Each structure stands twice: as C-alpha cells, then as structure tokens.
Amino acid sequence: MLAILEYKAGNQTSVRRALDHLGVPNIVTADADQIDACDGIIFPGVGAAGQAMDELNETGLSDTIKEQIWKEKPLLGICVGCQILLDYSPENDTKTMGIVPGECALFNPSWTDYEGRPIRVPHMGWNSIDIVRPDSPLLKGLESGAEFYFVHSYYPVPVDEYVIATTTYGRPFCSIHGRTGLWATQFHPEKSGRPGLQILKNFNDYCKEAAGA
C-alpha cells in the first residue's frame, strides 16, 4: 500500500489513477497513522512552494514526512513535492524542508533552445532525460532519451551527489534527484505515459522489497 499525501497542494487524483492502472493499492491521506502503516509515500505537488509549505507546516505533515524519512520509509516527490525537499526556494522566498541539500532556481527567459529561440517560462510539455546514475532502482527499464511531461517555472539544484538525471531546457537542469529510497522527479510521472508508469512501478517494487512483502 502506498500513501499519497493529501495537503491541498498536490495532484492526488492523477497519481491515484496511475497507481490504480498499475494495480497498486493506494490511499490519499494526511493521517499520520495511515501514512506510517503504508509501505511508501508519494509526495505530489502543484502550485507555489510557499503555499505548499504553509499547508505542510499548519497540518503537521512536514514533521510526519521527516519522521517517516528518518524511519527509512521510501518516498517519491513529484514536481513541487520535488522542489520543497530541498533547503530553499526563491518562489515566495520560502524556507523548504531541508531534507536534500540544495535550492531551487527560476528558468531564465533569456536562455535559448537548440534553434536559438528564447525559451518560454514556464517549461511546459514533453522533454527527455539524460540518466546520470543508471544504477538507480527508480530507473529500472528506462534509458536516456525517455520522455516525460513537465510543467514548472522553477527547477531543483541539489548538490551534485544527489543528481540522478538531467534534462535540457535552455541549459541542463536536474530533473531527478535523491538517493536510494528517497527520490524526487521534477516531471509528472503520472502524466507521462509508459515511462512514467515504469517509474511508479519501480517505486512500488522498491517499497514492497524494502517492506519485505
């Protein structure tokens, strides 16, 4: 069973549909006991970093997430859920969770694409990844060039040792970061067709193995 965090700043419905399609048992919840009973956590997010952090702090979910990570409960962050695992976001001048060392940055609209045209901000649509750490369990069955769906104006800049894959939009940026059992994707795997479903399957497989299921 996977817990999809409910905190009024996520994309829980699409994530749940993707997991249902895979036949993965799941629950959308903000209850600490239910989260504790699950094999893994999916931490989705849409909107602004400041709004998301306010909700997490007001509900106590921020402390719940940190406690579960301390217990080595597997977690997958998505989009804003990827960004606020870092230390800081300039969006709303937000002190974020500080679980992964690094900050977020805003795309520069003066950057250009491969045809020399200024990029559009937000970055919206399909783009490919370049895998930095092919041994990551999250990327089993995937190769560089796999395409995923992005919608974001800010992007994560973790310390180098946490970078798992990059994507180029004007310049290369980190699109997957983390470590074994703690991962985050800037793109939306739940909206990314077969490659996205593969990531969700890989995460669930890791959770079941970690739980001894």
N, C-alpha and C. Protein backbone atom coordinates (compact mmCIF):
# COMPACT_ATOMS: atom_id res chain seq x y z
N MET A 1 0.84 -1.20 0.00
CA MET A 1 0.00 0.00 0.00
C MET A 1 0.88 1.25 0.00
N LEU A 2 0.56 2.17 -0.91
CA LEU A 2 1.26 3.45 -0.97
C LEU A 2 0.36 4.56 -0.45
N ALA A 3 0.93 5.50 0.29
CA ALA A 3 0.21 6.68 0.76
C ALA A 3 0.49 7.84 -0.17
N ILE A 4 -0.57 8.45 -0.71
CA ILE A 4 -0.46 9.68 -1.50
C ILE A 4 -0.82 10.83 -0.57
N LEU A 5 0.11 11.73 -0.34
CA LEU A 5 -0.11 12.78 0.66
C LEU A 5 -1.19 13.75 0.21
N GLU A 6 -2.12 14.02 1.11
CA GLU A 6 -3.18 15.00 0.88
C GLU A 6 -2.84 16.27 1.66
N TYR A 7 -2.51 17.35 0.94
CA TYR A 7 -2.17 18.59 1.64
C TYR A 7 -2.60 19.83 0.87
N LYS A 8 -3.64 19.68 0.03
CA LYS A 8 -4.26 20.81 -0.69
C LYS A 8 -3.30 21.49 -1.65
N ALA A 9 -2.22 20.85 -2.00
CA ALA A 9 -1.29 21.43 -2.95
C ALA A 9 -0.71 20.35 -3.86
N GLY A 10 -1.46 19.27 -4.03
CA GLY A 10 -0.94 18.16 -4.80
C GLY A 10 -1.79 17.84 -6.01
N ASN A 11 -1.42 16.79 -6.69
CA ASN A 11 -2.15 16.31 -7.85
C ASN A 11 -2.57 14.87 -7.57
N GLN A 12 -3.28 14.70 -6.45
CA GLN A 12 -3.55 13.37 -5.94
C GLN A 12 -4.39 12.52 -6.89
N THR A 13 -5.38 13.12 -7.56
CA THR A 13 -6.28 12.35 -8.39
C THR A 13 -5.56 11.66 -9.53
N SER A 14 -4.68 12.40 -10.24
CA SER A 14 -3.95 11.82 -11.36
C SER A 14 -2.98 10.74 -10.88
N VAL A 15 -2.34 10.96 -9.74
CA VAL A 15 -1.42 9.96 -9.20
C VAL A 15 -2.20 8.69 -8.85
N ARG A 16 -3.35 8.87 -8.22
CA ARG A 16 -4.16 7.71 -7.83
C ARG A 16 -4.61 6.92 -9.06
N ARG A 17 -5.02 7.62 -10.10
CA ARG A 17 -5.46 6.93 -11.32
C ARG A 17 -4.32 6.11 -11.92
N ALA A 18 -3.12 6.67 -11.92
CA ALA A 18 -1.97 5.95 -12.47
C ALA A 18 -1.68 4.70 -11.64
N LEU A 19 -1.73 4.83 -10.32
CA LEU A 19 -1.48 3.66 -9.47
C LEU A 19 -2.59 2.63 -9.62
N ASP A 20 -3.82 3.09 -9.73
CA ASP A 20 -4.93 2.15 -9.96
C ASP A 20 -4.73 1.39 -11.27
N HIS A 21 -4.26 2.10 -12.30
CA HIS A 21 -3.99 1.46 -13.59
C HIS A 21 -2.95 0.36 -13.44
N LEU A 22 -1.97 0.57 -12.57
CA LEU A 22 -0.92 -0.42 -12.33
C LEU A 22 -1.36 -1.52 -11.36
N GLY A 23 -2.53 -1.35 -10.76
CA GLY A 23 -2.99 -2.31 -9.76
C GLY A 23 -2.28 -2.18 -8.43
N VAL A 24 -1.77 -0.98 -8.14
CA VAL A 24 -1.05 -0.74 -6.89
C VAL A 24 -2.02 -0.21 -5.84
N PRO A 25 -2.21 -0.91 -4.73
CA PRO A 25 -3.08 -0.40 -3.67
C PRO A 25 -2.57 0.95 -3.15
N ASN A 26 -3.48 1.90 -2.93
CA ASN A 26 -3.07 3.22 -2.50
C ASN A 26 -4.17 3.90 -1.71
N ILE A 27 -3.78 4.91 -0.96
CA ILE A 27 -4.73 5.70 -0.19
C ILE A 27 -4.28 7.15 -0.20
N VAL A 28 -5.22 8.07 -0.38
CA VAL A 28 -4.92 9.50 -0.29
C VAL A 28 -5.21 9.92 1.15
N THR A 29 -4.19 10.41 1.84
CA THR A 29 -4.35 10.64 3.27
C THR A 29 -3.40 11.71 3.80
N ALA A 30 -3.82 12.33 4.89
CA ALA A 30 -2.96 13.22 5.66
C ALA A 30 -2.80 12.68 7.08
N ASP A 31 -3.33 11.49 7.33
CA ASP A 31 -3.33 10.91 8.67
C ASP A 31 -1.99 10.24 8.96
N ALA A 32 -1.35 10.65 10.04
CA ALA A 32 -0.01 10.15 10.36
C ALA A 32 0.01 8.65 10.57
N ASP A 33 -1.01 8.09 11.20
CA ASP A 33 -1.05 6.65 11.45
C ASP A 33 -1.21 5.86 10.15
N GLN A 34 -2.06 6.36 9.25
CA GLN A 34 -2.22 5.68 7.96
C GLN A 34 -0.94 5.75 7.14
N ILE A 35 -0.29 6.90 7.18
CA ILE A 35 0.98 7.05 6.46
C ILE A 35 2.02 6.08 7.02
N ASP A 36 2.06 5.96 8.33
CA ASP A 36 3.02 5.08 8.98
C ASP A 36 2.79 3.62 8.61
N ALA A 37 1.53 3.26 8.37
CA ALA A 37 1.18 1.87 8.07
C ALA A 37 1.47 1.49 6.62
N CYS A 38 1.70 2.46 5.76
CA CYS A 38 1.94 2.19 4.34
C CYS A 38 3.39 1.83 4.08
N ASP A 39 3.63 1.18 2.92
CA ASP A 39 4.98 0.76 2.56
C ASP A 39 5.82 1.89 1.97
N GLY A 40 5.17 2.91 1.45
CA GLY A 40 5.88 4.03 0.83
C GLY A 40 4.98 5.23 0.69
N ILE A 41 5.58 6.37 0.39
CA ILE A 41 4.86 7.64 0.33
C ILE A 41 5.11 8.30 -1.02
N ILE A 42 4.05 8.79 -1.64
CA ILE A 42 4.18 9.64 -2.82
C ILE A 42 3.77 11.05 -2.42
N PHE A 43 4.66 12.00 -2.70
CA PHE A 43 4.55 13.38 -2.25
C PHE A 43 4.36 14.27 -3.48
N PRO A 44 3.12 14.37 -4.00
CA PRO A 44 2.90 15.17 -5.21
C PRO A 44 2.79 16.65 -4.88
N GLY A 45 2.81 17.48 -5.90
CA GLY A 45 2.68 18.90 -5.64
C GLY A 45 2.42 19.70 -6.89
N VAL A 46 1.54 20.68 -6.78
CA VAL A 46 1.32 21.67 -7.84
C VAL A 46 1.23 23.02 -7.17
N GLY A 47 1.38 24.09 -7.97
CA GLY A 47 1.25 25.42 -7.40
C GLY A 47 2.57 25.96 -6.90
N ALA A 48 2.49 26.79 -5.86
CA ALA A 48 3.66 27.54 -5.38
C ALA A 48 4.28 26.89 -4.14
N ALA A 49 5.59 27.05 -4.02
CA ALA A 49 6.32 26.46 -2.90
C ALA A 49 5.84 27.02 -1.56
N GLY A 50 5.62 28.33 -1.51
CA GLY A 50 5.21 28.94 -0.24
C GLY A 50 3.88 28.41 0.24
N GLN A 51 2.91 28.31 -0.66
CA GLN A 51 1.60 27.79 -0.31
C GLN A 51 1.71 26.34 0.17
N ALA A 52 2.51 25.54 -0.53
CA ALA A 52 2.67 24.14 -0.15
C ALA A 52 3.29 24.01 1.24
N MET A 53 4.34 24.80 1.51
CA MET A 53 4.99 24.71 2.82
C MET A 53 4.07 25.19 3.93
N ASP A 54 3.29 26.23 3.66
CA ASP A 54 2.34 26.70 4.68
C ASP A 54 1.38 25.58 5.07
N GLU A 55 0.86 24.88 4.09
CA GLU A 55 -0.09 23.79 4.36
C GLU A 55 0.60 22.65 5.12
N LEU A 56 1.79 22.29 4.70
CA LEU A 56 2.52 21.21 5.38
C LEU A 56 2.81 21.56 6.83
N ASN A 57 3.22 22.80 7.08
CA ASN A 57 3.54 23.22 8.44
C ASN A 57 2.29 23.33 9.31
N GLU A 58 1.20 23.87 8.74
CA GLU A 58 -0.02 24.05 9.51
C GLU A 58 -0.66 22.73 9.90
N THR A 59 -0.56 21.73 9.03
CA THR A 59 -1.18 20.44 9.30
C THR A 59 -0.27 19.48 10.07
N GLY A 60 1.00 19.82 10.20
CA GLY A 60 1.94 18.92 10.85
C GLY A 60 2.51 17.86 9.93
N LEU A 61 2.09 17.91 8.65
CA LEU A 61 2.60 16.91 7.71
C LEU A 61 4.10 17.03 7.48
N SER A 62 4.64 18.23 7.61
CA SER A 62 6.09 18.39 7.45
C SER A 62 6.84 17.52 8.46
N ASP A 63 6.40 17.55 9.71
CA ASP A 63 7.04 16.72 10.73
C ASP A 63 6.81 15.23 10.46
N THR A 64 5.60 14.89 9.99
CA THR A 64 5.30 13.49 9.68
C THR A 64 6.22 12.97 8.59
N ILE A 65 6.41 13.76 7.54
CA ILE A 65 7.29 13.35 6.44
C ILE A 65 8.71 13.14 6.93
N LYS A 66 9.21 14.09 7.70
CA LYS A 66 10.59 13.98 8.21
C LYS A 66 10.74 12.74 9.10
N GLU A 67 9.73 12.46 9.91
CA GLU A 67 9.78 11.27 10.78
C GLU A 67 9.82 9.99 9.96
N GLN A 68 9.00 9.94 8.90
CA GLN A 68 8.97 8.75 8.06
C GLN A 68 10.29 8.56 7.30
N ILE A 69 10.88 9.64 6.85
CA ILE A 69 12.18 9.53 6.19
C ILE A 69 13.25 9.07 7.18
N TRP A 70 13.18 9.57 8.40
CA TRP A 70 14.11 9.13 9.45
C TRP A 70 13.96 7.62 9.70
N LYS A 71 12.74 7.12 9.56
CA LYS A 71 12.47 5.68 9.71
C LYS A 71 12.82 4.89 8.46
N GLU A 72 13.35 5.58 7.43
CA GLU A 72 13.73 4.99 6.15
C GLU A 72 12.53 4.49 5.35
N LYS A 73 11.38 5.14 5.52
CA LYS A 73 10.22 4.85 4.68
C LYS A 73 10.48 5.43 3.29
N PRO A 74 10.36 4.62 2.22
CA PRO A 74 10.61 5.15 0.87
C PRO A 74 9.64 6.29 0.53
N LEU A 75 10.15 7.29 -0.19
CA LEU A 75 9.35 8.45 -0.57
C LEU A 75 9.70 8.87 -1.99
N LEU A 76 8.66 9.24 -2.75
CA LEU A 76 8.84 9.78 -4.09
C LEU A 76 8.16 11.14 -4.17
N GLY A 77 8.95 12.21 -4.35
CA GLY A 77 8.41 13.55 -4.53
C GLY A 77 8.18 13.85 -5.99
N ILE A 78 7.12 14.61 -6.28
CA ILE A 78 6.77 14.95 -7.67
C ILE A 78 6.56 16.45 -7.80
N CYS A 79 7.23 17.07 -8.77
CA CYS A 79 7.08 18.48 -9.12
C CYS A 79 7.35 19.39 -7.90
N VAL A 80 6.35 20.11 -7.40
CA VAL A 80 6.60 20.92 -6.20
C VAL A 80 7.04 20.03 -5.04
N GLY A 81 6.53 18.81 -5.00
CA GLY A 81 6.98 17.85 -3.99
C GLY A 81 8.44 17.48 -4.15
N CYS A 82 8.99 17.68 -5.33
CA CYS A 82 10.42 17.51 -5.58
C CYS A 82 11.19 18.73 -5.08
N GLN A 83 10.66 19.92 -5.37
CA GLN A 83 11.38 21.16 -5.04
C GLN A 83 11.46 21.40 -3.54
N ILE A 84 10.38 21.13 -2.82
CA ILE A 84 10.38 21.51 -1.40
C ILE A 84 11.06 20.49 -0.50
N LEU A 85 11.62 19.42 -1.08
CA LEU A 85 12.52 18.57 -0.31
C LEU A 85 13.87 19.25 -0.09
N LEU A 86 14.17 20.28 -0.90
CA LEU A 86 15.44 21.00 -0.80
C LEU A 86 15.41 22.01 0.34
N ASP A 87 16.45 22.83 0.45
CA ASP A 87 16.58 23.77 1.57
C ASP A 87 15.81 25.06 1.37
N TYR A 88 15.71 25.53 0.11
CA TYR A 88 15.17 26.87 -0.11
C TYR A 88 14.63 27.01 -1.53
N SER A 89 13.54 27.78 -1.66
CA SER A 89 13.04 28.16 -2.97
C SER A 89 12.85 29.67 -3.01
N PRO A 90 13.34 30.33 -4.07
CA PRO A 90 13.10 31.77 -4.19
C PRO A 90 11.64 32.09 -4.49
N GLU A 91 10.86 31.09 -4.87
CA GLU A 91 9.43 31.31 -5.06
C GLU A 91 8.79 31.57 -3.70
N ASN A 92 8.26 32.76 -3.52
CA ASN A 92 7.69 33.20 -2.24
C ASN A 92 8.74 33.29 -1.13
N ASP A 93 10.05 33.31 -1.51
CA ASP A 93 11.13 33.38 -0.53
C ASP A 93 10.89 32.34 0.57
N THR A 94 10.87 31.08 0.18
CA THR A 94 10.40 30.00 1.04
C THR A 94 11.53 29.14 1.58
N LYS A 95 11.59 29.03 2.90
CA LYS A 95 12.44 28.02 3.53
C LYS A 95 11.72 26.69 3.41
N THR A 96 12.31 25.76 2.69
CA THR A 96 11.66 24.49 2.44
C THR A 96 12.17 23.42 3.41
N MET A 97 11.95 22.14 3.12
CA MET A 97 12.06 21.12 4.16
C MET A 97 13.48 20.78 4.58
N GLY A 98 14.44 20.99 3.71
CA GLY A 98 15.83 20.76 4.10
C GLY A 98 16.20 19.30 4.23
N ILE A 99 15.55 18.43 3.46
CA ILE A 99 15.86 17.01 3.51
C ILE A 99 16.99 16.66 2.55
N VAL A 100 17.00 17.29 1.39
CA VAL A 100 18.06 17.12 0.40
C VAL A 100 18.79 18.45 0.27
N PRO A 101 20.12 18.47 0.40
CA PRO A 101 20.85 19.74 0.32
C PRO A 101 20.78 20.35 -1.07
N GLY A 102 20.39 21.63 -1.12
CA GLY A 102 20.29 22.34 -2.38
C GLY A 102 19.18 23.35 -2.36
N GLU A 103 19.01 24.05 -3.48
CA GLU A 103 17.98 25.09 -3.60
C GLU A 103 17.28 24.96 -4.94
N CYS A 104 16.28 25.79 -5.15
CA CYS A 104 15.61 25.88 -6.44
C CYS A 104 16.05 27.15 -7.15
N ALA A 105 15.86 27.17 -8.46
CA ALA A 105 16.19 28.35 -9.26
C ALA A 105 15.10 28.55 -10.31
N LEU A 106 14.98 29.79 -10.78
CA LEU A 106 13.98 30.15 -11.79
C LEU A 106 14.62 30.10 -13.17
N PHE A 107 13.92 29.49 -14.13
CA PHE A 107 14.40 29.50 -15.50
C PHE A 107 14.59 30.94 -15.98
N ASN A 108 15.66 31.15 -16.72
CA ASN A 108 15.97 32.47 -17.26
C ASN A 108 15.41 32.57 -18.68
N PRO A 109 14.44 33.45 -18.92
CA PRO A 109 13.84 33.52 -20.26
C PRO A 109 14.79 34.01 -21.34
N SER A 110 15.99 34.46 -20.96
CA SER A 110 16.96 34.85 -21.98
C SER A 110 17.73 33.65 -22.53
N TRP A 111 17.61 32.48 -21.85
CA TRP A 111 18.24 31.27 -22.38
C TRP A 111 17.57 30.88 -23.68
N THR A 112 18.28 30.19 -24.54
CA THR A 112 17.73 29.82 -25.84
C THR A 112 17.70 28.31 -26.01
N ASP A 113 16.80 27.86 -26.90
CA ASP A 113 16.70 26.43 -27.19
C ASP A 113 17.70 26.06 -28.28
N TYR A 114 17.62 24.82 -28.75
CA TYR A 114 18.62 24.33 -29.71
C TYR A 114 18.51 25.03 -31.07
N GLU A 115 17.42 25.74 -31.31
CA GLU A 115 17.28 26.52 -32.54
C GLU A 115 17.59 27.99 -32.33
N GLY A 116 18.05 28.34 -31.12
CA GLY A 116 18.42 29.72 -30.83
C GLY A 116 17.27 30.61 -30.43
N ARG A 117 16.10 30.04 -30.18
CA ARG A 117 14.94 30.83 -29.78
C ARG A 117 14.88 30.94 -28.26
N PRO A 118 14.46 32.08 -27.71
CA PRO A 118 14.32 32.20 -26.25
C PRO A 118 13.34 31.15 -25.73
N ILE A 119 13.69 30.54 -24.62
CA ILE A 119 12.79 29.56 -24.02
C ILE A 119 11.58 30.26 -23.42
N ARG A 120 10.50 29.52 -23.32
CA ARG A 120 9.30 30.03 -22.67
C ARG A 120 9.27 29.57 -21.22
N VAL A 121 8.85 30.47 -20.36
CA VAL A 121 8.70 30.14 -18.93
C VAL A 121 7.23 30.34 -18.57
N PRO A 122 6.55 29.31 -18.06
CA PRO A 122 7.10 28.05 -17.57
C PRO A 122 7.51 27.08 -18.68
N HIS A 123 8.33 26.12 -18.28
CA HIS A 123 8.67 24.98 -19.12
C HIS A 123 7.47 24.05 -19.09
N MET A 124 6.85 23.83 -20.23
CA MET A 124 5.61 23.06 -20.26
C MET A 124 5.62 22.13 -21.47
N GLY A 125 5.46 20.85 -21.22
CA GLY A 125 5.39 19.89 -22.30
C GLY A 125 6.35 18.73 -22.10
N TRP A 126 6.56 17.97 -23.17
CA TRP A 126 7.38 16.77 -23.11
C TRP A 126 8.85 17.10 -23.33
N ASN A 127 9.69 16.43 -22.55
CA ASN A 127 11.13 16.59 -22.70
C ASN A 127 11.81 15.31 -22.23
N SER A 128 13.01 15.09 -22.70
CA SER A 128 13.71 13.84 -22.40
C SER A 128 14.66 14.00 -21.22
N ILE A 129 15.07 12.86 -20.67
CA ILE A 129 16.04 12.86 -19.58
C ILE A 129 17.36 12.27 -20.06
N ASP A 130 18.44 12.70 -19.43
CA ASP A 130 19.76 12.09 -19.59
C ASP A 130 20.12 11.49 -18.24
N ILE A 131 20.27 10.19 -18.20
CA ILE A 131 20.49 9.49 -16.94
C ILE A 131 21.94 9.64 -16.49
N VAL A 132 22.11 10.10 -15.26
CA VAL A 132 23.43 10.26 -14.66
C VAL A 132 23.79 9.03 -13.84
N ARG A 133 22.80 8.44 -13.17
CA ARG A 133 23.04 7.28 -12.31
C ARG A 133 22.16 6.11 -12.79
N PRO A 134 22.64 5.34 -13.77
CA PRO A 134 21.84 4.26 -14.34
C PRO A 134 21.56 3.12 -13.37
N ASP A 135 22.30 3.08 -12.24
CA ASP A 135 22.09 2.02 -11.26
C ASP A 135 20.93 2.33 -10.31
N SER A 136 20.27 3.47 -10.46
CA SER A 136 19.18 3.83 -9.57
C SER A 136 18.01 2.86 -9.76
N PRO A 137 17.49 2.27 -8.68
CA PRO A 137 16.33 1.38 -8.81
C PRO A 137 15.11 2.08 -9.40
N LEU A 138 15.03 3.40 -9.26
CA LEU A 138 13.88 4.12 -9.80
C LEU A 138 13.86 4.08 -11.32
N LEU A 139 15.01 3.88 -11.96
CA LEU A 139 15.12 3.97 -13.41
C LEU A 139 15.24 2.61 -14.09
N LYS A 140 14.94 1.54 -13.38
CA LYS A 140 14.99 0.20 -13.97
C LYS A 140 14.10 0.15 -15.22
N GLY A 141 14.66 -0.35 -16.32
CA GLY A 141 13.90 -0.48 -17.55
C GLY A 141 13.82 0.78 -18.38
N LEU A 142 14.49 1.84 -17.94
CA LEU A 142 14.47 3.11 -18.67
C LEU A 142 15.87 3.48 -19.14
N GLU A 143 15.93 4.25 -20.23
CA GLU A 143 17.20 4.69 -20.76
C GLU A 143 17.17 6.19 -21.01
N SER A 144 18.35 6.78 -21.16
CA SER A 144 18.41 8.19 -21.57
C SER A 144 17.63 8.37 -22.86
N GLY A 145 16.92 9.49 -22.96
CA GLY A 145 16.06 9.73 -24.10
C GLY A 145 14.59 9.49 -23.81
N ALA A 146 14.29 8.79 -22.72
CA ALA A 146 12.89 8.61 -22.34
C ALA A 146 12.28 9.98 -22.07
N GLU A 147 11.03 10.18 -22.50
CA GLU A 147 10.39 11.48 -22.41
C GLU A 147 9.31 11.50 -21.33
N PHE A 148 9.23 12.66 -20.65
CA PHE A 148 8.28 12.85 -19.56
C PHE A 148 7.62 14.22 -19.69
N TYR A 149 6.53 14.39 -18.96
CA TYR A 149 5.75 15.62 -19.06
C TYR A 149 6.11 16.59 -17.93
N PHE A 150 6.47 17.82 -18.30
CA PHE A 150 6.92 18.85 -17.36
C PHE A 150 5.95 20.03 -17.36
N VAL A 151 5.74 20.62 -16.18
CA VAL A 151 5.04 21.91 -16.05
C VAL A 151 5.68 22.62 -14.85
N HIS A 152 6.59 23.58 -15.09
CA HIS A 152 7.26 24.25 -13.97
C HIS A 152 8.03 25.47 -14.45
N SER A 153 8.15 26.44 -13.54
CA SER A 153 8.96 27.63 -13.78
C SER A 153 10.27 27.58 -13.00
N TYR A 154 10.26 26.85 -11.88
CA TYR A 154 11.45 26.68 -11.05
C TYR A 154 11.96 25.24 -11.21
N TYR A 155 13.25 25.05 -10.96
CA TYR A 155 13.83 23.72 -11.09
C TYR A 155 14.79 23.47 -9.92
N PRO A 156 15.00 22.20 -9.56
CA PRO A 156 15.84 21.89 -8.41
C PRO A 156 17.33 21.97 -8.74
N VAL A 157 18.10 22.44 -7.78
CA VAL A 157 19.56 22.47 -7.92
C VAL A 157 20.15 21.83 -6.66
N PRO A 158 20.09 20.49 -6.58
CA PRO A 158 20.68 19.81 -5.43
C PRO A 158 22.20 19.74 -5.57
N VAL A 159 22.88 19.36 -4.49
CA VAL A 159 24.32 19.13 -4.61
C VAL A 159 24.53 17.96 -5.59
N ASP A 160 25.69 17.95 -6.22
CA ASP A 160 25.94 17.04 -7.34
C ASP A 160 25.69 15.57 -7.00
N GLU A 161 26.02 15.17 -5.80
CA GLU A 161 25.93 13.73 -5.47
C GLU A 161 24.49 13.23 -5.46
N TYR A 162 23.51 14.14 -5.45
CA TYR A 162 22.10 13.74 -5.44
C TYR A 162 21.48 13.76 -6.84
N VAL A 163 22.20 14.20 -7.84
CA VAL A 163 21.65 14.29 -9.20
C VAL A 163 21.59 12.90 -9.83
N ILE A 164 20.38 12.46 -10.22
CA ILE A 164 20.19 11.15 -10.82
C ILE A 164 19.97 11.25 -12.33
N ALA A 165 19.29 12.31 -12.77
CA ALA A 165 19.09 12.54 -14.21
C ALA A 165 18.94 14.03 -14.46
N THR A 166 19.26 14.43 -15.68
CA THR A 166 19.13 15.83 -16.07
C THR A 166 18.25 15.94 -17.32
N THR A 167 17.79 17.15 -17.57
CA THR A 167 17.02 17.48 -18.77
C THR A 167 17.52 18.83 -19.26
N THR A 168 17.50 19.04 -20.56
CA THR A 168 17.97 20.31 -21.11
C THR A 168 16.78 21.16 -21.55
N TYR A 169 16.73 22.36 -20.99
CA TYR A 169 15.76 23.37 -21.41
C TYR A 169 16.45 24.72 -21.32
N GLY A 170 17.02 25.14 -22.41
CA GLY A 170 17.92 26.30 -22.37
C GLY A 170 19.29 25.88 -21.91
N ARG A 171 19.32 25.24 -20.73
CA ARG A 171 20.54 24.66 -20.18
C ARG A 171 20.16 23.37 -19.45
N PRO A 172 21.11 22.48 -19.23
CA PRO A 172 20.79 21.27 -18.47
C PRO A 172 20.40 21.62 -17.03
N PHE A 173 19.37 20.94 -16.53
CA PHE A 173 18.99 21.09 -15.12
C PHE A 173 18.67 19.71 -14.56
N CYS A 174 18.68 19.60 -13.26
CA CYS A 174 18.38 18.34 -12.60
C CYS A 174 16.88 18.05 -12.70
N SER A 175 16.53 16.89 -13.26
CA SER A 175 15.12 16.51 -13.35
C SER A 175 14.74 15.34 -12.46
N ILE A 176 15.74 14.62 -11.93
CA ILE A 176 15.52 13.60 -10.89
C ILE A 176 16.64 13.73 -9.88
N HIS A 177 16.29 13.81 -8.61
CA HIS A 177 17.34 13.83 -7.59
C HIS A 177 16.98 12.90 -6.44
N GLY A 178 17.96 12.66 -5.59
CA GLY A 178 17.71 11.84 -4.41
C GLY A 178 18.80 10.84 -4.15
N ARG A 179 18.43 9.82 -3.43
CA ARG A 179 19.30 8.70 -3.08
C ARG A 179 18.40 7.47 -2.99
N THR A 180 18.99 6.32 -2.75
CA THR A 180 18.20 5.10 -2.70
C THR A 180 17.12 5.20 -1.61
N GLY A 181 15.88 5.02 -2.02
CA GLY A 181 14.75 5.09 -1.09
C GLY A 181 14.16 6.46 -0.91
N LEU A 182 14.83 7.48 -1.43
CA LEU A 182 14.32 8.86 -1.36
C LEU A 182 14.58 9.52 -2.71
N TRP A 183 13.51 9.62 -3.50
CA TRP A 183 13.66 10.13 -4.86
C TRP A 183 12.69 11.27 -5.11
N ALA A 184 13.00 12.08 -6.12
CA ALA A 184 12.10 13.17 -6.50
C ALA A 184 12.26 13.46 -7.98
N THR A 185 11.12 13.64 -8.66
CA THR A 185 11.12 13.95 -10.08
C THR A 185 10.52 15.33 -10.31
N GLN A 186 11.17 16.15 -11.12
CA GLN A 186 10.59 17.45 -11.46
C GLN A 186 9.41 17.29 -12.41
N PHE A 187 9.42 16.27 -13.23
CA PHE A 187 8.32 16.00 -14.15
C PHE A 187 7.20 15.23 -13.42
N HIS A 188 6.10 15.03 -14.15
CA HIS A 188 4.95 14.31 -13.61
C HIS A 188 4.90 12.90 -14.18
N PRO A 189 5.39 11.89 -13.45
CA PRO A 189 5.32 10.52 -13.99
C PRO A 189 3.89 10.05 -14.21
N GLU A 190 2.97 10.55 -13.41
CA GLU A 190 1.57 10.13 -13.53
C GLU A 190 0.91 10.64 -14.81
N LYS A 191 1.57 11.57 -15.51
CA LYS A 191 1.04 12.11 -16.77
C LYS A 191 1.96 11.81 -17.94
N SER A 192 2.88 10.87 -17.77
CA SER A 192 3.96 10.66 -18.74
C SER A 192 3.90 9.31 -19.45
N GLY A 193 2.73 8.73 -19.55
CA GLY A 193 2.59 7.51 -20.33
C GLY A 193 3.42 6.36 -19.79
N ARG A 194 3.90 5.51 -20.71
CA ARG A 194 4.60 4.30 -20.29
C ARG A 194 5.84 4.57 -19.45
N PRO A 195 6.73 5.53 -19.83
CA PRO A 195 7.90 5.76 -18.99
C PRO A 195 7.53 6.20 -17.58
N GLY A 196 6.49 7.03 -17.46
CA GLY A 196 6.07 7.47 -16.14
C GLY A 196 5.51 6.33 -15.32
N LEU A 197 4.71 5.48 -15.96
CA LEU A 197 4.18 4.31 -15.26
C LEU A 197 5.31 3.39 -14.81
N GLN A 198 6.37 3.30 -15.62
CA GLN A 198 7.52 2.46 -15.24
C GLN A 198 8.17 2.99 -13.97
N ILE A 199 8.29 4.31 -13.86
CA ILE A 199 8.87 4.89 -12.65
C ILE A 199 7.99 4.58 -11.44
N LEU A 200 6.68 4.74 -11.57
CA LEU A 200 5.78 4.44 -10.46
C LEU A 200 5.84 2.95 -10.10
N LYS A 201 5.92 2.09 -11.09
CA LYS A 201 6.05 0.65 -10.82
C LYS A 201 7.36 0.36 -10.11
N ASN A 202 8.45 0.97 -10.58
CA ASN A 202 9.75 0.74 -9.94
C ASN A 202 9.72 1.19 -8.49
N PHE A 203 9.08 2.33 -8.24
CA PHE A 203 8.99 2.82 -6.86
C PHE A 203 8.21 1.84 -6.00
N ASN A 204 7.08 1.37 -6.49
CA ASN A 204 6.28 0.42 -5.72
C ASN A 204 7.03 -0.88 -5.49
N ASP A 205 7.73 -1.37 -6.51
CA ASP A 205 8.51 -2.60 -6.35
C ASP A 205 9.57 -2.42 -5.26
N TYR A 206 10.22 -1.26 -5.26
CA TYR A 206 11.23 -1.00 -4.21
C TYR A 206 10.58 -0.97 -2.84
N CYS A 207 9.41 -0.31 -2.74
CA CYS A 207 8.71 -0.23 -1.45
C CYS A 207 8.35 -1.62 -0.92
N LYS A 208 7.85 -2.47 -1.81
CA LYS A 208 7.47 -3.83 -1.38
C LYS A 208 8.70 -4.61 -0.92
N GLU A 209 9.80 -4.47 -1.66
CA GLU A 209 11.02 -5.17 -1.28
C GLU A 209 11.55 -4.66 0.05
N ALA A 210 11.53 -3.34 0.23
CA ALA A 210 12.02 -2.75 1.49
C ALA A 210 11.17 -3.18 2.67
N ALA A 211 9.86 -3.38 2.41
CA ALA A 211 8.95 -3.79 3.49
C ALA A 211 8.96 -5.29 3.72
N GLY A 212 9.69 -6.01 2.86
CA GLY A 212 9.75 -7.48 3.00
C GLY A 212 8.50 -8.15 2.50
N ALA A 213 7.76 -7.48 1.63
CA ALA A 213 6.49 -8.05 1.13
C ALA A 213 6.77 -9.06 0.00
